[in-house]
Each structure stands twice: as C-alpha cells, then as structure tokens.
C-alpha cells in the first residue's frame, strides 16, 4: 500500500515539475521574442533598413526558443 502512495506522489511531483518547466519556457519565449524584436528595431533605425532586422531577429528568437524547448522535452521524455 505504501508503494502505491509513493508512486502516486512521485507522479504528481513529476507532473507539477513539468508544468512549471513548460511555463518557464513560455515566459522565456516571450522575453526572447520581445528582446530580439526590440534589438532588430534599433538596428533598423540605425541602418535605415525597413523591418528586415526586426523581423529576422524576431523569427530567429522564436525558432531558437522552440528548438531549445524541443530538446528539453525530448530529455524529459527519454527520462521517463
């Protein structure tokens, strides 16, 4: 009976940890997107290139964040 309770507590703890990890990745995605968007805007203003750097860096931040998120989820799934 105690092994079932222990296993259930471990699963609940693991699920909670995964939820916190994924929400942190969501926050990192938003922060990276806005930071790169702002840096691209500054570069565009400095160099006079319409929205090229702004959009390029924005998409770079999104793609890079999703690659890192995919790798993190892959590690978690391999550990199960």
Protein backbone atom coordinates (compact mmCIF):
# COMPACT_ATOMS: atom_id res chain seq x y z
CA UNK A 1 0.00 0.00 0.00
CA UNK A 2 2.84 2.41 0.74
CA UNK A 3 4.49 1.76 -2.66
CA UNK A 4 1.31 2.81 -4.44
CA UNK A 5 1.13 6.02 -2.41
CA UNK A 6 4.82 6.71 -3.00
CA UNK A 7 4.45 6.12 -6.74
CA UNK A 8 1.41 8.41 -6.94
CA UNK A 9 3.20 11.17 -5.03
CA UNK A 10 6.20 10.85 -7.34
CA UNK A 11 3.98 11.10 -10.42
CA UNK A 12 2.19 14.16 -9.02
CA UNK A 13 5.51 15.80 -8.18
CA UNK A 14 6.88 14.99 -11.63
CA UNK A 15 3.76 16.38 -13.35
CA UNK A 16 3.97 19.58 -11.32
CA UNK A 17 7.66 19.96 -12.18
CA UNK A 18 6.94 19.53 -15.89
CA UNK A 19 4.14 22.13 -15.76
CA UNK A 20 6.46 24.64 -14.05
CA UNK A 21 9.22 23.90 -16.55
CA UNK A 22 6.95 24.43 -19.55
CA UNK A 23 5.51 27.65 -18.15
CA UNK A 24 9.06 28.92 -17.62
CA UNK A 25 9.81 28.11 -21.26
CA UNK A 26 6.73 30.07 -22.29
CA UNK A 27 8.00 33.07 -20.35
CA UNK A 28 11.46 32.71 -21.91
CA UNK A 29 9.90 32.56 -25.39
CA UNK A 30 8.01 35.81 -24.82
CA UNK A 31 11.01 37.61 -23.31
CA UNK A 32 13.39 36.46 -26.07
CA UNK A 33 10.90 37.43 -28.77
CA UNK A 34 10.41 40.94 -27.45
CA UNK A 35 14.12 41.44 -26.78
CA UNK A 36 15.11 40.38 -30.28
CA UNK A 37 12.24 42.40 -31.76
CA UNK A 38 13.48 45.50 -29.93
CA UNK A 39 17.10 44.90 -30.95
CA UNK A 40 16.01 44.45 -34.56
CA UNK A 41 14.05 47.69 -34.38
CA UNK A 42 17.12 49.53 -33.08
CA UNK A 43 19.29 48.08 -35.86
CA UNK A 44 16.70 49.04 -38.47
CA UNK A 45 16.57 52.60 -37.17
CA UNK A 46 20.36 52.81 -37.14
CA UNK A 47 20.90 51.35 -40.60
CA UNK A 48 17.69 52.57 -42.25
CA UNK A 49 16.55 49.13 -43.34
CA UNK A 50 12.75 48.94 -43.03
CA UNK A 51 11.63 45.92 -40.97
CA UNK A 52 14.29 43.47 -42.16
CA UNK A 53 16.38 43.10 -38.99
CA UNK A 54 13.33 43.40 -36.75
CA UNK A 55 11.50 40.53 -38.42
CA UNK A 56 14.64 38.46 -38.93
CA UNK A 57 15.70 38.61 -35.29
CA UNK A 58 12.13 38.07 -34.12
CA UNK A 59 11.81 34.84 -36.11
CA UNK A 60 15.31 33.80 -35.04
CA UNK A 61 14.27 34.14 -31.38
CA UNK A 62 11.10 32.12 -31.92
CA UNK A 63 12.83 29.34 -33.85
CA UNK A 64 15.72 29.17 -31.37
CA UNK A 65 13.34 29.02 -28.40
CA UNK A 66 11.31 26.24 -29.96
CA UNK A 67 14.45 24.24 -30.74
CA UNK A 68 15.60 24.55 -27.12
CA UNK A 69 12.11 23.66 -25.87
CA UNK A 70 12.02 20.59 -28.12
CA UNK A 71 15.38 19.42 -26.81
CA UNK A 72 14.26 19.90 -23.19
CA UNK A 73 11.02 17.96 -23.76
CA UNK A 74 12.98 15.21 -25.51
CA UNK A 75 15.25 14.89 -22.44
CA UNK A 76 12.23 14.66 -20.16
CA UNK A 77 10.55 12.02 -22.30
CA UNK A 78 13.73 9.93 -22.51
CA UNK A 79 13.99 10.04 -18.71
CA UNK A 80 10.54 8.51 -18.20
